[in-house]
């Protein structure tokens, strides 16, 4: 199994084999929490206007997402697991759009299979990949706003890569250090309304969920995220 680590939208476009599109802070952590909160379907799109169009099509749906980290005007929820865990999404279709994560899904056009990646289900991703034994795995760290390298995404990629090679990844100190680096924005009081400290802790609960989210490209170019329990 050949494993490569890539970054940003360009990395998503170059991904081959099984692409794991990683967005720890916060898109694909939010997606996992949304299924845990009772959602029956998640549709990912890279376009805000398309998200509003999809909400008209799917009556029992909610809009989840951000631009510049903040909830989009007219959306039901921001890109915040703190909001999602307080919500009852039972029977709901979640329509999600974000600056980094969903852009990666849309752009992974050359991959055979696409999974979302986050720390909260990293172990499940490893288990899934070992079960399907692909020739190639492309781990795509989407980074901060899909522009700057993000330590949490690269850490998640390294964790998956090492555990695929049956090596133990020690994450505790690395996660602690994130509070003073790429995760420090969650502890800035200025951001508390849209990026509260609880988001940091919810996104770094390693292996909380034992399922993967597999992406399927739809007829309209958007992405269905299907929950696969392991």
Protein backbone atom coordinates (compact mmCIF):
# COMPACT_ATOMS: atom_id res chain seq x y z
CA UNK A 1 0.00 0.00 0.00
CA UNK A 2 1.56 3.27 -1.13
CA UNK A 3 0.66 6.18 1.18
CA UNK A 4 1.23 9.81 0.23
CA UNK A 5 0.52 13.00 2.17
CA UNK A 6 -0.64 16.00 0.15
CA UNK A 7 -2.15 19.41 0.89
CA UNK A 8 -4.83 21.85 -0.20
CA UNK A 9 -7.10 21.80 -3.25
CA UNK A 10 -4.17 20.95 -5.52
CA UNK A 11 -3.51 17.89 -3.38
CA UNK A 12 -7.16 16.87 -3.69
CA UNK A 13 -6.96 17.16 -7.48
CA UNK A 14 -3.81 15.06 -7.55
CA UNK A 15 -5.11 12.39 -5.17
CA UNK A 16 -5.26 8.86 -6.53
CA UNK A 17 -6.55 5.56 -5.20
CA UNK A 18 -8.39 6.15 -1.93
CA UNK A 19 -8.33 9.85 -1.09
CA UNK A 20 -8.82 10.83 2.55
CA UNK A 21 -9.74 14.52 2.58
CA UNK A 22 -8.74 15.76 6.04
CA UNK A 23 -10.28 18.76 7.80
CA UNK A 24 -9.97 18.40 11.57
CA UNK A 25 -10.85 22.04 12.44
CA UNK A 26 -13.73 21.64 11.74
CA UNK A 27 -15.68 20.42 8.72
CA UNK A 28 -15.29 16.68 8.97
CA UNK A 29 -15.43 16.59 12.73
CA UNK A 30 -18.76 18.45 12.38
CA UNK A 31 -19.96 15.90 9.82
CA UNK A 32 -19.31 13.05 12.25
CA UNK A 33 -21.10 14.85 15.07
CA UNK A 34 -24.02 15.58 12.72
CA UNK A 35 -24.56 11.88 12.05
CA UNK A 36 -24.23 11.22 15.77
CA UNK A 37 -26.94 13.84 16.36
CA UNK A 38 -29.37 11.91 14.18
CA UNK A 39 -28.83 13.20 10.66
CA UNK A 40 -29.83 10.69 7.98
CA UNK A 41 -27.92 12.28 5.14
CA UNK A 42 -25.16 14.81 4.52
CA UNK A 43 -24.76 16.60 1.22
CA UNK A 44 -21.53 18.55 0.76
CA UNK A 45 -21.20 21.41 -1.71
CA UNK A 46 -18.55 24.03 -2.41
CA UNK A 47 -21.02 26.80 -3.22
CA UNK A 48 -23.23 28.83 -0.87
CA UNK A 49 -25.94 29.51 -3.46
CA UNK A 50 -26.04 25.79 -4.29
CA UNK A 51 -26.56 25.05 -0.59
CA UNK A 52 -29.64 27.27 -0.53
CA UNK A 53 -30.90 25.59 -3.71
CA UNK A 54 -30.49 22.16 -2.12
CA UNK A 55 -32.41 23.25 0.98
CA UNK A 56 -35.40 24.07 -1.24
CA UNK A 57 -35.15 20.62 -2.80
CA UNK A 58 -34.84 18.70 0.47
CA UNK A 59 -37.62 19.93 2.72
CA UNK A 60 -36.47 18.31 5.97
CA UNK A 61 -33.00 19.82 5.76
CA UNK A 62 -30.68 22.20 7.57
CA UNK A 63 -27.76 24.29 6.36
CA UNK A 64 -24.42 23.91 8.13
CA UNK A 65 -21.26 25.77 7.24
CA UNK A 66 -19.00 28.80 7.29
CA UNK A 67 -17.09 31.39 5.38
CA UNK A 68 -14.22 33.13 7.18
CA UNK A 69 -14.96 30.73 10.08
CA UNK A 70 -18.34 32.38 10.74
CA UNK A 71 -21.83 31.01 10.17
CA UNK A 72 -23.15 32.03 6.77
CA UNK A 73 -26.09 34.41 6.87
CA UNK A 74 -29.31 32.42 6.50
CA UNK A 75 -27.72 29.14 7.61
CA UNK A 76 -29.08 27.14 10.54
CA UNK A 77 -25.70 26.27 12.05
CA UNK A 78 -22.12 27.33 11.74
CA UNK A 79 -19.23 24.95 11.24
CA UNK A 80 -19.16 24.23 14.96
CA UNK A 81 -19.47 20.87 16.70
CA UNK A 82 -20.51 22.76 19.83
CA UNK A 83 -23.65 23.86 18.00
CA UNK A 84 -24.25 20.46 16.47
CA UNK A 85 -24.14 18.47 19.71
CA UNK A 86 -26.89 20.71 21.10
CA UNK A 87 -29.11 20.13 18.06
CA UNK A 88 -31.65 17.41 17.36
CA UNK A 89 -30.95 16.44 13.77
CA UNK A 90 -33.10 13.33 13.85
CA UNK A 91 -34.33 12.57 10.35
CA UNK A 92 -32.64 15.67 8.92
CA UNK A 93 -30.65 16.09 5.75
CA UNK A 94 -27.58 18.21 6.49
CA UNK A 95 -26.31 20.41 3.66
CA UNK A 96 -22.74 21.46 4.40
CA UNK A 97 -20.36 23.94 2.79
CA UNK A 98 -17.03 25.13 4.17
CA UNK A 99 -13.94 27.02 3.08
CA UNK A 100 -11.60 24.03 3.03
CA UNK A 101 -13.04 20.57 3.61
CA UNK A 102 -15.94 20.50 1.18
CA UNK A 103 -13.76 22.13 -1.49
CA UNK A 104 -11.43 19.16 -1.18
CA UNK A 105 -14.25 16.67 -1.66
CA UNK A 106 -15.50 18.40 -4.80
CA UNK A 107 -12.00 18.60 -6.27
CA UNK A 108 -10.91 14.99 -5.64
CA UNK A 109 -11.93 14.11 -9.18
CA UNK A 110 -9.17 11.59 -9.90
CA UNK A 111 -9.59 9.40 -6.82
CA UNK A 112 -11.27 6.00 -7.02
CA UNK A 113 -12.75 6.34 -3.54
CA UNK A 114 -13.08 9.37 -1.25
CA UNK A 115 -13.34 9.43 2.54
CA UNK A 116 -13.50 12.36 4.92
CA UNK A 117 -10.73 12.58 7.50
CA UNK A 118 -10.72 13.81 11.09
CA UNK A 119 -9.22 12.87 14.43
CA UNK A 120 -12.59 11.85 15.84
CA UNK A 121 -12.76 8.85 13.49
CA UNK A 122 -9.10 8.36 12.50
CA UNK A 123 -9.00 4.83 13.90
CA UNK A 124 -12.06 3.86 11.90
CA UNK A 125 -10.42 5.23 8.75
CA UNK A 126 -7.36 3.05 9.38
CA UNK A 127 -9.57 0.02 9.99
CA UNK A 128 -11.50 0.67 6.78
CA UNK A 129 -8.36 1.14 4.69
CA UNK A 130 -6.83 -2.06 6.04
CA UNK A 131 -10.03 -3.92 5.15
CA UNK A 132 -10.08 -2.76 1.52
CA UNK A 133 -6.26 -2.83 1.03
CA UNK A 134 -5.99 -0.27 -1.78
CA UNK A 135 -2.80 0.01 -3.82
CA UNK A 136 -2.63 3.74 -3.13
CA UNK A 137 -3.85 6.04 -0.37
CA UNK A 138 -3.71 9.82 -0.74
CA UNK A 139 -3.98 11.68 2.57
CA UNK A 140 -4.93 15.27 1.76
CA UNK A 141 -4.50 17.81 4.57
CA UNK A 142 -6.76 20.68 3.53
CA UNK A 143 -5.18 23.21 5.88
CA UNK A 144 -6.44 26.50 7.22
CA UNK A 145 -8.79 27.99 4.63
CA UNK A 146 -7.26 25.56 2.12
CA UNK A 147 -4.30 27.96 1.88
CA UNK A 148 -2.00 27.52 4.89
CA UNK A 149 -0.64 24.29 6.32
CA UNK A 150 -2.57 23.25 9.43
CA UNK A 151 -0.77 21.23 12.07
CA UNK A 152 -3.90 19.36 13.10
CA UNK A 153 -4.57 18.13 9.55
CA UNK A 154 -0.97 17.08 8.99
CA UNK A 155 -0.97 15.37 12.39
CA UNK A 156 -4.11 13.43 11.44
CA UNK A 157 -2.48 12.42 8.14
CA UNK A 158 0.67 11.29 9.94
CA UNK A 159 -1.40 9.31 12.45
CA UNK A 160 -3.27 7.46 9.70
CA UNK A 161 -0.08 6.83 7.72
CA UNK A 162 1.81 5.44 10.71
CA UNK A 163 -1.04 3.22 11.89
CA UNK A 164 -1.49 1.83 8.37
CA UNK A 165 2.13 0.77 8.75
CA UNK A 166 1.30 -0.76 12.16
CA UNK A 167 3.28 1.91 14.00
CA UNK A 168 1.98 3.50 17.17
CA UNK A 169 1.25 7.21 16.96
CA UNK A 170 1.44 9.05 20.31
CA UNK A 171 -0.96 11.94 20.00
CA UNK A 172 -1.58 13.29 23.50
CA UNK A 173 1.26 15.84 23.69
CA UNK A 174 0.80 16.84 20.07
CA UNK A 175 -2.85 17.68 20.73
CA UNK A 176 -1.91 19.61 23.86
CA UNK A 177 0.57 21.63 21.81
CA UNK A 178 -2.13 22.53 19.29
CA UNK A 179 -3.70 24.80 21.90
CA UNK A 180 -0.71 27.11 21.52
CA UNK A 181 -0.38 26.86 17.75
CA UNK A 182 -3.03 26.22 15.10
CA UNK A 183 -5.76 25.72 17.70
CA UNK A 184 -5.13 28.87 19.68
CA UNK A 185 -7.86 30.75 17.81
CA UNK A 186 -10.45 28.74 19.74
CA UNK A 187 -9.20 30.28 22.97
CA UNK A 188 -9.33 33.88 21.77
CA UNK A 189 -12.34 35.57 23.45
CA UNK A 190 -12.97 37.55 20.28
CA UNK A 191 -13.92 34.30 18.50
CA UNK A 192 -16.10 32.75 21.17
CA UNK A 193 -19.38 33.26 19.30
CA UNK A 194 -18.28 31.19 16.30
CA UNK A 195 -15.13 29.28 17.37
CA UNK A 196 -15.52 28.47 21.09
CA UNK A 197 -12.96 26.49 23.13
CA UNK A 198 -15.31 23.51 23.21
CA UNK A 199 -14.88 23.16 19.44
CA UNK A 200 -11.18 22.50 19.99
CA UNK A 201 -11.83 19.73 22.49
CA UNK A 202 -14.64 18.14 20.48
CA UNK A 203 -12.49 18.07 17.33
CA UNK A 204 -9.54 16.48 19.14
CA UNK A 205 -11.43 13.59 20.78
CA UNK A 206 -9.40 10.94 18.99
CA UNK A 207 -11.35 7.86 17.86
CA UNK A 208 -14.65 8.96 19.37
CA UNK A 209 -16.59 7.49 16.45
CA UNK A 210 -16.27 4.03 14.90
CA UNK A 211 -17.53 4.87 11.45
CA UNK A 212 -16.22 6.40 8.24
CA UNK A 213 -17.88 8.87 5.91
CA UNK A 214 -17.59 7.78 2.29
CA UNK A 215 -18.15 10.37 -0.42
CA UNK A 216 -20.18 9.65 -3.54
CA UNK A 217 -20.38 12.17 -6.36
CA UNK A 218 -23.95 13.07 -7.24
CA UNK A 219 -25.51 13.75 -10.65
CA UNK A 220 -25.47 17.49 -9.82
CA UNK A 221 -21.76 17.55 -8.97
CA UNK A 222 -22.26 17.75 -5.23
CA UNK A 223 -21.24 15.04 -2.78
CA UNK A 224 -23.27 12.60 -0.67
CA UNK A 225 -21.49 11.54 2.52
CA UNK A 226 -22.55 8.04 3.50
CA UNK A 227 -21.95 6.74 7.02
CA UNK A 228 -20.38 3.28 7.11
CA UNK A 229 -20.24 1.65 10.56
CA UNK A 230 -17.27 -0.57 11.32
